[in-house]
């Protein structure tokens, strides 16, 4: 497995070794020994999957401690623009984000550590899958509005289809009561 470091410590993109022939292809999307060797978590406790039609934007979501989640995210079919925002107030990269284009034809993945808000936009109809290091807890859920003007994320979709719940999320400044990002 090949790993690509990002400008934010702990946030990485992964490219599995793909074995392909005339019959199709095979790859390991998770291997505890390999992940341990890369310094990544191996104790995933929950798997989630969603289907989104082109133009859907989900996020930016995270869970507060003690239910914070690290996530190993990938696309099973389709293509998404995946976004991870550092929401660790003590971090030197607080408020910074990275974007990954996750594509089924590349089989690439991203590992998003605890302390990051996460969201994605479906660039085409897509099945999105992710492993979590902690279980979901409704009382711990939080988020940042997808179109926060200070973050100014280009989601890559002409018209965003966003849930009513996600449209009511606060900005990063409102949530963390900070002046500048």
N, C-alpha and C. Protein backbone atom coordinates (compact mmCIF):
# COMPACT_ATOMS: atom_id res chain seq x y z
N UNK A 1 0.86 -1.17 0.00
CA UNK A 1 0.00 0.00 0.00
C UNK A 1 0.90 1.23 0.00
N UNK A 2 0.55 2.16 -0.87
CA UNK A 2 1.28 3.42 -0.95
C UNK A 2 0.51 4.47 -0.17
N UNK A 3 1.24 5.32 0.54
CA UNK A 3 0.61 6.36 1.36
C UNK A 3 1.08 7.73 0.87
N UNK A 4 0.14 8.69 0.84
CA UNK A 4 0.49 10.06 0.48
C UNK A 4 0.17 10.94 1.68
N UNK A 5 1.22 11.56 2.22
CA UNK A 5 1.05 12.49 3.34
C UNK A 5 0.40 13.77 2.81
N UNK A 6 -0.31 14.47 3.68
CA UNK A 6 -0.90 15.76 3.31
C UNK A 6 -0.22 16.86 4.11
N UNK A 7 -0.68 18.08 3.95
CA UNK A 7 -0.11 19.21 4.70
C UNK A 7 -0.59 19.21 6.15
N UNK A 8 -1.51 18.32 6.52
CA UNK A 8 -2.03 18.24 7.88
C UNK A 8 -1.61 16.89 8.48
N UNK A 9 -0.88 16.94 9.57
CA UNK A 9 -0.34 15.73 10.20
C UNK A 9 -1.45 14.72 10.52
N UNK A 10 -1.21 13.47 10.15
CA UNK A 10 -2.14 12.39 10.45
C UNK A 10 -3.19 12.14 9.40
N UNK A 11 -3.42 13.10 8.53
CA UNK A 11 -4.42 12.99 7.47
C UNK A 11 -3.71 12.50 6.21
N UNK A 12 -4.07 11.31 5.74
CA UNK A 12 -3.33 10.70 4.63
C UNK A 12 -4.27 10.11 3.58
N UNK A 13 -3.72 9.99 2.37
CA UNK A 13 -4.41 9.29 1.28
C UNK A 13 -3.68 7.98 1.05
N UNK A 14 -4.45 6.92 0.81
CA UNK A 14 -3.90 5.58 0.66
C UNK A 14 -4.25 5.01 -0.71
N UNK A 15 -3.28 4.34 -1.29
CA UNK A 15 -3.47 3.69 -2.58
C UNK A 15 -3.11 2.22 -2.44
N UNK A 16 -4.11 1.34 -2.42
CA UNK A 16 -3.80 -0.08 -2.26
C UNK A 16 -3.14 -0.66 -3.51
N UNK A 17 -2.45 -1.75 -3.31
CA UNK A 17 -1.87 -2.48 -4.43
C UNK A 17 -2.99 -3.26 -5.10
N UNK A 18 -3.21 -2.99 -6.38
CA UNK A 18 -4.31 -3.61 -7.12
C UNK A 18 -3.75 -4.67 -8.06
N UNK A 19 -4.34 -5.85 -7.99
CA UNK A 19 -3.97 -6.95 -8.88
C UNK A 19 -5.08 -7.09 -9.91
N UNK A 20 -4.72 -6.90 -11.17
CA UNK A 20 -5.71 -6.84 -12.24
C UNK A 20 -5.32 -7.78 -13.38
N UNK A 21 -6.30 -8.46 -13.93
CA UNK A 21 -6.09 -9.26 -15.14
C UNK A 21 -7.39 -9.28 -15.93
N UNK A 22 -7.47 -10.13 -16.94
CA UNK A 22 -8.64 -10.15 -17.81
C UNK A 22 -9.93 -10.52 -17.09
N UNK A 23 -9.80 -11.13 -15.90
CA UNK A 23 -10.99 -11.53 -15.13
C UNK A 23 -11.56 -10.40 -14.28
N UNK A 24 -10.73 -9.41 -14.00
CA UNK A 24 -11.16 -8.33 -13.12
C UNK A 24 -10.01 -7.86 -12.26
N UNK A 25 -10.32 -7.54 -10.98
CA UNK A 25 -9.26 -7.05 -10.10
C UNK A 25 -9.50 -7.48 -8.67
N UNK A 26 -8.43 -7.35 -7.87
CA UNK A 26 -8.48 -7.66 -6.45
C UNK A 26 -7.56 -6.69 -5.72
N UNK A 27 -7.99 -6.25 -4.53
CA UNK A 27 -7.12 -5.46 -3.65
C UNK A 27 -7.60 -5.59 -2.22
N UNK A 28 -6.67 -5.38 -1.29
CA UNK A 28 -7.02 -5.34 0.13
C UNK A 28 -7.37 -3.90 0.49
N UNK A 29 -8.59 -3.68 0.94
CA UNK A 29 -8.98 -2.33 1.37
C UNK A 29 -8.58 -2.08 2.82
N UNK A 30 -8.32 -3.15 3.56
CA UNK A 30 -7.85 -3.03 4.93
C UNK A 30 -7.07 -4.27 5.30
N UNK A 31 -5.92 -4.06 5.94
CA UNK A 31 -5.10 -5.14 6.45
C UNK A 31 -4.44 -4.60 7.72
N UNK A 32 -4.79 -5.18 8.87
CA UNK A 32 -4.33 -4.66 10.15
C UNK A 32 -2.80 -4.58 10.22
N UNK A 33 -2.11 -5.60 9.73
CA UNK A 33 -0.64 -5.61 9.79
C UNK A 33 -0.06 -4.46 8.98
N UNK A 34 -0.59 -4.25 7.77
CA UNK A 34 -0.11 -3.16 6.92
C UNK A 34 -0.41 -1.81 7.56
N UNK A 35 -1.63 -1.63 8.08
CA UNK A 35 -2.00 -0.37 8.72
C UNK A 35 -1.13 -0.08 9.94
N UNK A 36 -0.87 -1.10 10.75
CA UNK A 36 0.02 -0.91 11.90
C UNK A 36 1.40 -0.46 11.45
N UNK A 37 1.88 -1.06 10.38
CA UNK A 37 3.19 -0.70 9.83
C UNK A 37 3.24 0.74 9.34
N UNK A 38 2.09 1.27 8.93
CA UNK A 38 2.00 2.65 8.46
C UNK A 38 1.70 3.63 9.60
N UNK A 39 1.52 3.08 10.80
CA UNK A 39 1.20 3.93 11.95
C UNK A 39 -0.24 4.36 12.01
N UNK A 40 -1.12 3.61 11.34
CA UNK A 40 -2.54 3.94 11.31
C UNK A 40 -3.32 3.04 12.26
N UNK A 41 -4.48 3.51 12.74
CA UNK A 41 -5.30 2.69 13.63
C UNK A 41 -5.76 1.39 12.95
N UNK A 42 -5.95 0.39 13.77
CA UNK A 42 -6.45 -0.89 13.25
C UNK A 42 -7.72 -1.33 13.97
N UNK A 43 -8.11 -0.60 15.00
CA UNK A 43 -9.28 -0.99 15.77
C UNK A 43 -10.53 -0.25 15.28
N UNK A 44 -11.09 -0.73 14.19
CA UNK A 44 -12.32 -0.15 13.67
C UNK A 44 -13.49 -0.93 14.26
N UNK A 45 -14.53 -0.19 14.70
CA UNK A 45 -15.63 -0.84 15.40
C UNK A 45 -16.97 -0.73 14.67
N UNK A 46 -17.01 0.04 13.60
CA UNK A 46 -18.27 0.24 12.89
C UNK A 46 -17.97 0.53 11.42
N UNK A 47 -18.75 -0.10 10.53
CA UNK A 47 -18.67 0.18 9.09
C UNK A 47 -19.98 0.82 8.67
N UNK A 48 -19.88 1.86 7.82
CA UNK A 48 -21.06 2.55 7.31
C UNK A 48 -20.98 2.63 5.79
N UNK A 49 -22.12 2.70 5.16
CA UNK A 49 -22.18 2.84 3.71
C UNK A 49 -23.37 3.70 3.34
N UNK A 50 -23.18 4.55 2.34
CA UNK A 50 -24.28 5.39 1.86
C UNK A 50 -24.26 5.41 0.34
N UNK A 51 -25.41 5.71 -0.22
CA UNK A 51 -25.52 5.97 -1.66
C UNK A 51 -25.96 7.41 -1.80
N UNK A 52 -25.30 8.14 -2.70
CA UNK A 52 -25.66 9.54 -2.95
C UNK A 52 -25.73 9.78 -4.45
N UNK A 53 -26.78 10.47 -4.87
CA UNK A 53 -26.89 10.84 -6.28
C UNK A 53 -25.98 12.03 -6.54
N UNK A 54 -25.62 12.21 -7.78
CA UNK A 54 -24.75 13.32 -8.18
C UNK A 54 -25.28 14.63 -7.63
N UNK A 55 -24.38 15.42 -7.03
CA UNK A 55 -24.75 16.73 -6.50
C UNK A 55 -25.03 16.76 -5.01
N UNK A 56 -25.18 15.59 -4.37
CA UNK A 56 -25.43 15.55 -2.93
C UNK A 56 -24.16 15.94 -2.20
N UNK A 57 -24.31 16.82 -1.21
CA UNK A 57 -23.21 17.18 -0.31
C UNK A 57 -23.62 16.72 1.09
N UNK A 58 -22.77 15.92 1.71
CA UNK A 58 -23.01 15.44 3.08
C UNK A 58 -21.91 15.98 3.97
N UNK A 59 -22.30 16.61 5.07
CA UNK A 59 -21.29 17.09 6.01
C UNK A 59 -21.39 18.59 6.18
N UNK A 60 -20.55 19.07 6.94
CA UNK A 60 -19.30 18.57 7.53
C UNK A 60 -19.61 18.07 8.95
N UNK A 61 -19.39 16.79 9.21
CA UNK A 61 -19.78 16.17 10.47
C UNK A 61 -18.57 15.71 11.28
N UNK A 62 -18.76 15.68 12.59
CA UNK A 62 -17.79 15.04 13.49
C UNK A 62 -18.49 14.73 14.80
N UNK A 63 -17.83 13.92 15.62
CA UNK A 63 -18.33 13.59 16.94
C UNK A 63 -17.34 14.09 17.98
N UNK A 64 -17.86 14.66 19.05
CA UNK A 64 -17.04 15.15 20.15
C UNK A 64 -16.59 13.99 21.04
N UNK A 65 -15.50 14.21 21.76
CA UNK A 65 -15.01 13.22 22.73
C UNK A 65 -16.10 12.99 23.77
N UNK A 66 -16.23 11.83 24.33
CA UNK A 66 -15.35 10.68 24.16
C UNK A 66 -15.74 9.77 22.99
N UNK A 67 -16.59 10.25 22.11
CA UNK A 67 -17.04 9.44 20.98
C UNK A 67 -16.44 9.89 19.65
N UNK A 68 -15.36 10.66 19.70
CA UNK A 68 -14.69 11.10 18.47
C UNK A 68 -14.32 9.88 17.64
N UNK A 69 -14.38 10.06 16.31
CA UNK A 69 -14.13 8.95 15.39
C UNK A 69 -13.01 9.27 14.41
N UNK A 70 -12.12 8.31 14.22
CA UNK A 70 -11.25 8.30 13.06
C UNK A 70 -12.01 7.54 11.98
N UNK A 71 -11.78 7.89 10.71
CA UNK A 71 -12.52 7.25 9.62
C UNK A 71 -11.60 6.87 8.48
N UNK A 72 -11.78 5.66 7.98
CA UNK A 72 -11.13 5.21 6.77
C UNK A 72 -12.21 5.23 5.70
N UNK A 73 -12.10 6.15 4.74
CA UNK A 73 -13.18 6.39 3.77
C UNK A 73 -12.75 5.99 2.36
N UNK A 74 -13.73 5.47 1.60
CA UNK A 74 -13.46 5.12 0.21
C UNK A 74 -14.77 5.08 -0.57
N UNK A 75 -14.64 5.02 -1.88
CA UNK A 75 -15.79 4.94 -2.76
C UNK A 75 -15.82 3.54 -3.38
N UNK A 76 -16.95 2.89 -3.31
CA UNK A 76 -17.11 1.56 -3.91
C UNK A 76 -17.49 1.70 -5.37
N UNK A 77 -18.36 2.65 -5.66
CA UNK A 77 -18.69 2.97 -7.05
C UNK A 77 -18.89 4.47 -7.15
N UNK A 78 -18.48 5.03 -8.28
CA UNK A 78 -18.63 6.46 -8.49
C UNK A 78 -17.39 7.25 -8.14
N UNK A 79 -17.64 8.51 -7.77
CA UNK A 79 -16.54 9.46 -7.55
C UNK A 79 -17.05 10.56 -6.63
N UNK A 80 -16.27 10.88 -5.58
CA UNK A 80 -16.67 11.95 -4.67
C UNK A 80 -15.50 12.88 -4.41
N UNK A 81 -15.84 14.10 -4.02
CA UNK A 81 -14.86 15.05 -3.51
C UNK A 81 -14.97 14.96 -2.00
N UNK A 82 -13.93 14.48 -1.36
CA UNK A 82 -13.94 14.23 0.08
C UNK A 82 -13.17 15.34 0.78
N UNK A 83 -13.74 15.87 1.87
CA UNK A 83 -13.15 17.02 2.56
C UNK A 83 -12.98 16.70 4.04
N UNK A 84 -11.79 17.02 4.58
CA UNK A 84 -11.51 16.86 6.00
C UNK A 84 -10.99 18.20 6.54
N UNK A 85 -11.67 18.73 7.56
CA UNK A 85 -11.31 20.02 8.16
C UNK A 85 -10.79 19.77 9.57
N UNK A 86 -9.63 20.31 9.88
CA UNK A 86 -9.03 20.18 11.20
C UNK A 86 -9.83 21.04 12.19
N UNK A 87 -10.48 20.39 13.17
CA UNK A 87 -11.26 21.13 14.18
C UNK A 87 -10.66 20.94 15.57
N UNK A 88 -9.36 20.67 15.63
CA UNK A 88 -8.65 20.55 16.91
C UNK A 88 -8.15 21.96 17.28
N UNK A 89 -8.80 22.63 18.24
CA UNK A 89 -8.45 24.02 18.55
C UNK A 89 -6.98 24.25 18.86
N UNK A 90 -6.30 23.26 19.44
CA UNK A 90 -4.89 23.42 19.81
C UNK A 90 -3.94 23.12 18.65
N UNK A 91 -4.46 22.69 17.52
CA UNK A 91 -3.64 22.30 16.38
C UNK A 91 -3.13 23.51 15.61
N UNK A 92 -1.89 23.46 15.12
CA UNK A 92 -1.38 24.55 14.29
C UNK A 92 -2.09 24.64 12.94
N UNK A 93 -2.83 23.58 12.57
CA UNK A 93 -3.57 23.60 11.31
C UNK A 93 -5.09 23.69 11.53
N UNK A 94 -5.49 24.18 12.73
CA UNK A 94 -6.92 24.37 13.03
C UNK A 94 -7.57 25.21 11.93
N UNK A 95 -8.70 24.73 11.42
CA UNK A 95 -9.44 25.46 10.39
C UNK A 95 -8.94 25.21 8.98
N UNK A 96 -7.85 24.48 8.83
CA UNK A 96 -7.33 24.14 7.49
C UNK A 96 -8.00 22.84 7.05
N UNK A 97 -8.02 22.64 5.74
CA UNK A 97 -8.64 21.42 5.23
C UNK A 97 -7.87 20.87 4.05
N UNK A 98 -8.14 19.62 3.78
CA UNK A 98 -7.60 18.92 2.61
C UNK A 98 -8.78 18.33 1.84
N UNK A 99 -8.59 18.24 0.54
CA UNK A 99 -9.60 17.66 -0.34
C UNK A 99 -8.98 16.47 -1.06
N UNK A 100 -9.73 15.39 -1.11
CA UNK A 100 -9.32 14.19 -1.84
C UNK A 100 -10.39 13.89 -2.88
N UNK A 101 -10.00 13.53 -4.07
CA UNK A 101 -10.96 13.00 -5.02
C UNK A 101 -10.87 11.49 -4.91
N UNK A 102 -11.89 10.90 -4.30
CA UNK A 102 -11.93 9.45 -4.14
C UNK A 102 -12.69 8.87 -5.32
N UNK A 103 -12.05 7.90 -5.97
CA UNK A 103 -12.63 7.34 -7.20
C UNK A 103 -12.62 5.83 -7.15
N UNK A 104 -13.73 5.24 -7.55
CA UNK A 104 -13.82 3.78 -7.58
C UNK A 104 -12.78 3.18 -8.52
N UNK A 105 -12.48 3.86 -9.62
CA UNK A 105 -11.52 3.29 -10.58
C UNK A 105 -10.08 3.36 -10.07
N UNK A 106 -9.81 4.20 -9.06
CA UNK A 106 -8.47 4.27 -8.46
C UNK A 106 -8.36 3.44 -7.18
N UNK A 107 -9.52 3.14 -6.58
CA UNK A 107 -9.58 2.40 -5.31
C UNK A 107 -8.82 3.13 -4.19
N UNK A 108 -8.66 4.44 -4.32
CA UNK A 108 -7.95 5.19 -3.29
C UNK A 108 -8.86 5.44 -2.08
N UNK A 109 -8.22 5.67 -0.95
CA UNK A 109 -8.90 5.86 0.33
C UNK A 109 -8.25 7.03 1.05
N UNK A 110 -8.92 7.53 2.07
CA UNK A 110 -8.32 8.54 2.94
C UNK A 110 -8.54 8.10 4.37
N UNK A 111 -7.52 8.33 5.21
CA UNK A 111 -7.69 8.13 6.64
C UNK A 111 -7.82 9.50 7.27
N UNK A 112 -8.94 9.70 7.98
CA UNK A 112 -9.24 10.97 8.63
C UNK A 112 -9.23 10.74 10.14
N UNK A 113 -8.25 11.29 10.83
CA UNK A 113 -8.13 11.05 12.27
C UNK A 113 -9.25 11.71 13.08
N UNK A 114 -9.33 11.34 14.35
CA UNK A 114 -10.22 12.04 15.27
C UNK A 114 -9.86 13.52 15.27
N UNK A 115 -10.85 14.37 15.48
CA UNK A 115 -10.58 15.81 15.54
C UNK A 115 -10.72 16.50 14.19
N UNK A 116 -11.36 15.82 13.24
CA UNK A 116 -11.59 16.41 11.92
C UNK A 116 -13.08 16.37 11.60
N UNK A 117 -13.60 17.46 11.05
CA UNK A 117 -14.94 17.44 10.47
C UNK A 117 -14.79 16.84 9.08
N UNK A 118 -15.78 16.06 8.67
CA UNK A 118 -15.69 15.34 7.41
C UNK A 118 -16.97 15.51 6.60
N UNK A 119 -16.79 15.62 5.30
CA UNK A 119 -17.93 15.66 4.40
C UNK A 119 -17.49 15.28 3.01
N UNK A 120 -18.48 15.09 2.14
CA UNK A 120 -18.16 14.79 0.75
C UNK A 120 -19.27 15.25 -0.16
N UNK A 121 -18.90 15.45 -1.42
CA UNK A 121 -19.85 15.79 -2.48
C UNK A 121 -19.78 14.70 -3.53
N UNK A 122 -20.94 14.20 -3.92
CA UNK A 122 -21.00 13.17 -4.97
C UNK A 122 -20.84 13.85 -6.33
N UNK A 123 -19.71 13.58 -6.98
CA UNK A 123 -19.45 14.13 -8.31
C UNK A 123 -20.19 13.34 -9.38
N UNK A 124 -20.61 12.14 -9.02
CA UNK A 124 -21.50 11.30 -9.82
C UNK A 124 -22.21 10.38 -8.83
N UNK A 125 -23.23 9.66 -9.27
CA UNK A 125 -23.90 8.73 -8.36
C UNK A 125 -22.83 7.83 -7.74
N UNK A 126 -22.84 7.73 -6.41
CA UNK A 126 -21.72 7.07 -5.72
C UNK A 126 -22.16 6.26 -4.51
N UNK A 127 -21.49 5.15 -4.30
CA UNK A 127 -21.61 4.37 -3.07
C UNK A 127 -20.34 4.68 -2.26
N UNK A 128 -20.54 5.21 -1.07
CA UNK A 128 -19.47 5.66 -0.19
C UNK A 128 -19.43 4.74 1.02
N UNK A 129 -18.23 4.32 1.41
CA UNK A 129 -18.08 3.38 2.52
C UNK A 129 -17.02 3.91 3.48
N UNK A 130 -17.26 3.72 4.78
CA UNK A 130 -16.23 4.12 5.74
C UNK A 130 -16.27 3.29 7.01
N UNK A 131 -15.07 3.06 7.51
CA UNK A 131 -14.85 2.36 8.76
C UNK A 131 -14.60 3.42 9.84
N UNK A 132 -15.13 3.19 11.04
CA UNK A 132 -14.98 4.15 12.13
C UNK A 132 -14.27 3.52 13.32
N UNK A 133 -13.44 4.32 14.01
CA UNK A 133 -12.72 3.84 15.18
C UNK A 133 -13.55 3.89 16.45
N UNK A 134 -14.74 4.47 16.37
CA UNK A 134 -15.62 4.56 17.53
C UNK A 134 -17.06 4.50 17.02
N UNK A 135 -17.96 4.03 17.86
CA UNK A 135 -19.36 3.95 17.47
C UNK A 135 -20.02 5.31 17.46
N UNK A 136 -21.12 5.40 16.74
CA UNK A 136 -21.90 6.64 16.65
C UNK A 136 -22.62 6.89 17.97
N UNK A 137 -22.64 8.17 18.39
CA UNK A 137 -23.36 8.58 19.58
C UNK A 137 -24.06 9.89 19.26
N UNK A 138 -25.39 9.86 19.20
CA UNK A 138 -26.17 11.03 18.78
C UNK A 138 -25.87 12.27 19.63
N UNK A 139 -25.72 12.11 20.94
CA UNK A 139 -25.48 13.25 21.82
C UNK A 139 -24.12 13.91 21.56
N UNK A 140 -23.21 13.20 20.90
CA UNK A 140 -21.87 13.73 20.63
C UNK A 140 -21.71 14.32 19.24
N UNK A 141 -22.76 14.22 18.42
CA UNK A 141 -22.61 14.68 17.03
C UNK A 141 -22.54 16.20 16.97
N UNK A 142 -21.75 16.66 16.01
CA UNK A 142 -21.60 18.09 15.79
C UNK A 142 -21.25 18.30 14.32
N UNK A 143 -21.13 19.55 13.92
CA UNK A 143 -20.78 19.81 12.53
C UNK A 143 -20.63 21.28 12.23
N UNK A 144 -20.18 21.51 11.02
CA UNK A 144 -19.96 22.85 10.48
C UNK A 144 -20.74 22.94 9.17
N UNK A 145 -21.35 24.06 8.93
CA UNK A 145 -22.13 24.22 7.71
C UNK A 145 -21.22 24.04 6.48
N UNK A 146 -21.73 23.34 5.51
CA UNK A 146 -20.96 22.96 4.32
C UNK A 146 -20.42 24.15 3.54
N UNK A 147 -21.16 25.27 3.55
CA UNK A 147 -20.75 26.43 2.75
C UNK A 147 -20.23 27.58 3.63
N UNK A 148 -19.55 27.24 4.70
CA UNK A 148 -18.95 28.23 5.59
C UNK A 148 -18.10 29.19 4.76
N UNK A 149 -18.41 30.50 4.76
CA UNK A 149 -17.68 31.44 3.91
C UNK A 149 -16.20 31.58 4.27
N UNK A 150 -15.84 31.34 5.52
CA UNK A 150 -14.44 31.43 5.90
C UNK A 150 -13.63 30.25 5.38
N UNK A 151 -14.25 29.10 5.29
CA UNK A 151 -13.56 27.93 4.73
C UNK A 151 -13.52 28.02 3.21
N UNK A 152 -14.60 28.50 2.61
CA UNK A 152 -14.70 28.69 1.15
C UNK A 152 -14.30 27.43 0.38
N UNK A 153 -14.90 26.31 0.75
CA UNK A 153 -14.61 25.03 0.10
C UNK A 153 -15.31 24.98 -1.26
N UNK A 154 -14.56 24.65 -2.28
CA UNK A 154 -15.15 24.42 -3.61
C UNK A 154 -15.52 22.94 -3.67
N UNK A 155 -16.80 22.66 -3.57
CA UNK A 155 -17.29 21.28 -3.51
C UNK A 155 -17.34 20.61 -4.89
N UNK A 156 -17.12 21.35 -5.95
CA UNK A 156 -17.05 20.74 -7.27
C UNK A 156 -18.39 20.37 -7.87
N UNK A 157 -19.48 20.87 -7.30
CA UNK A 157 -20.81 20.59 -7.85
C UNK A 157 -21.49 21.91 -8.19
N UNK A 158 -22.25 21.89 -9.28
CA UNK A 158 -22.94 23.11 -9.72
C UNK A 158 -24.03 23.53 -8.76
N UNK A 159 -24.90 22.58 -8.42
CA UNK A 159 -25.98 22.83 -7.49
C UNK A 159 -25.91 21.77 -6.39
N UNK A 160 -25.63 22.22 -5.17
CA UNK A 160 -25.50 21.29 -4.05
C UNK A 160 -26.87 20.88 -3.53
N UNK A 161 -27.04 19.58 -3.33
CA UNK A 161 -28.23 19.01 -2.73
C UNK A 161 -27.86 18.65 -1.29
N UNK A 162 -28.29 19.49 -0.33
CA UNK A 162 -27.86 19.37 1.06
C UNK A 162 -29.08 19.14 1.94
N UNK A 163 -28.96 18.24 2.91
CA UNK A 163 -30.08 17.95 3.82
C UNK A 163 -30.45 19.20 4.63
N UNK A 164 -31.69 19.25 5.07
CA UNK A 164 -32.15 20.36 5.90
C UNK A 164 -31.32 20.44 7.18
N UNK A 165 -31.03 19.30 7.76
CA UNK A 165 -30.23 19.23 8.99
C UNK A 165 -28.84 19.86 8.78
N UNK A 166 -28.19 19.53 7.66
CA UNK A 166 -26.85 20.07 7.39
C UNK A 166 -26.88 21.56 7.07
N UNK A 167 -27.99 22.06 6.56
CA UNK A 167 -28.10 23.48 6.25
C UNK A 167 -28.21 24.34 7.51
N UNK A 168 -28.51 23.71 8.65
CA UNK A 168 -28.69 24.43 9.91
C UNK A 168 -27.44 24.42 10.79
N UNK A 169 -26.37 23.78 10.34
CA UNK A 169 -25.15 23.72 11.13
C UNK A 169 -24.48 25.09 11.23
N UNK A 170 -23.74 25.35 12.32
CA UNK A 170 -23.07 26.65 12.49
C UNK A 170 -21.79 26.73 11.65
N UNK A 171 -21.25 27.93 11.55
CA UNK A 171 -19.93 28.12 10.92
C UNK A 171 -18.87 27.67 11.93
N UNK A 172 -17.66 27.51 11.44
CA UNK A 172 -16.54 27.14 12.31
C UNK A 172 -16.33 28.20 13.39
N UNK A 173 -16.39 29.48 13.01
CA UNK A 173 -16.21 30.57 13.98
C UNK A 173 -17.30 30.54 15.05
N UNK A 174 -18.54 30.31 14.64
CA UNK A 174 -19.64 30.26 15.60
C UNK A 174 -19.48 29.08 16.55
N UNK A 175 -19.12 27.94 16.02
CA UNK A 175 -19.01 26.73 16.82
C UNK A 175 -17.89 26.81 17.84
N UNK A 176 -16.74 27.34 17.43
CA UNK A 176 -15.57 27.38 18.31
C UNK A 176 -15.33 28.75 18.93
N UNK A 177 -16.23 29.70 18.64
CA UNK A 177 -16.15 31.04 19.22
C UNK A 177 -14.76 31.66 19.04
N UNK A 178 -14.32 31.67 17.79
CA UNK A 178 -13.02 32.27 17.44
C UNK A 178 -13.24 33.42 16.50
N UNK A 179 -12.28 34.36 16.46
CA UNK A 179 -12.37 35.51 15.59
C UNK A 179 -11.84 35.21 14.20
N UNK A 180 -10.66 34.59 14.16
CA UNK A 180 -10.00 34.31 12.87
C UNK A 180 -9.70 32.85 12.73
N UNK A 181 -9.67 32.44 11.48
CA UNK A 181 -9.33 31.05 11.18
C UNK A 181 -8.02 31.04 10.42
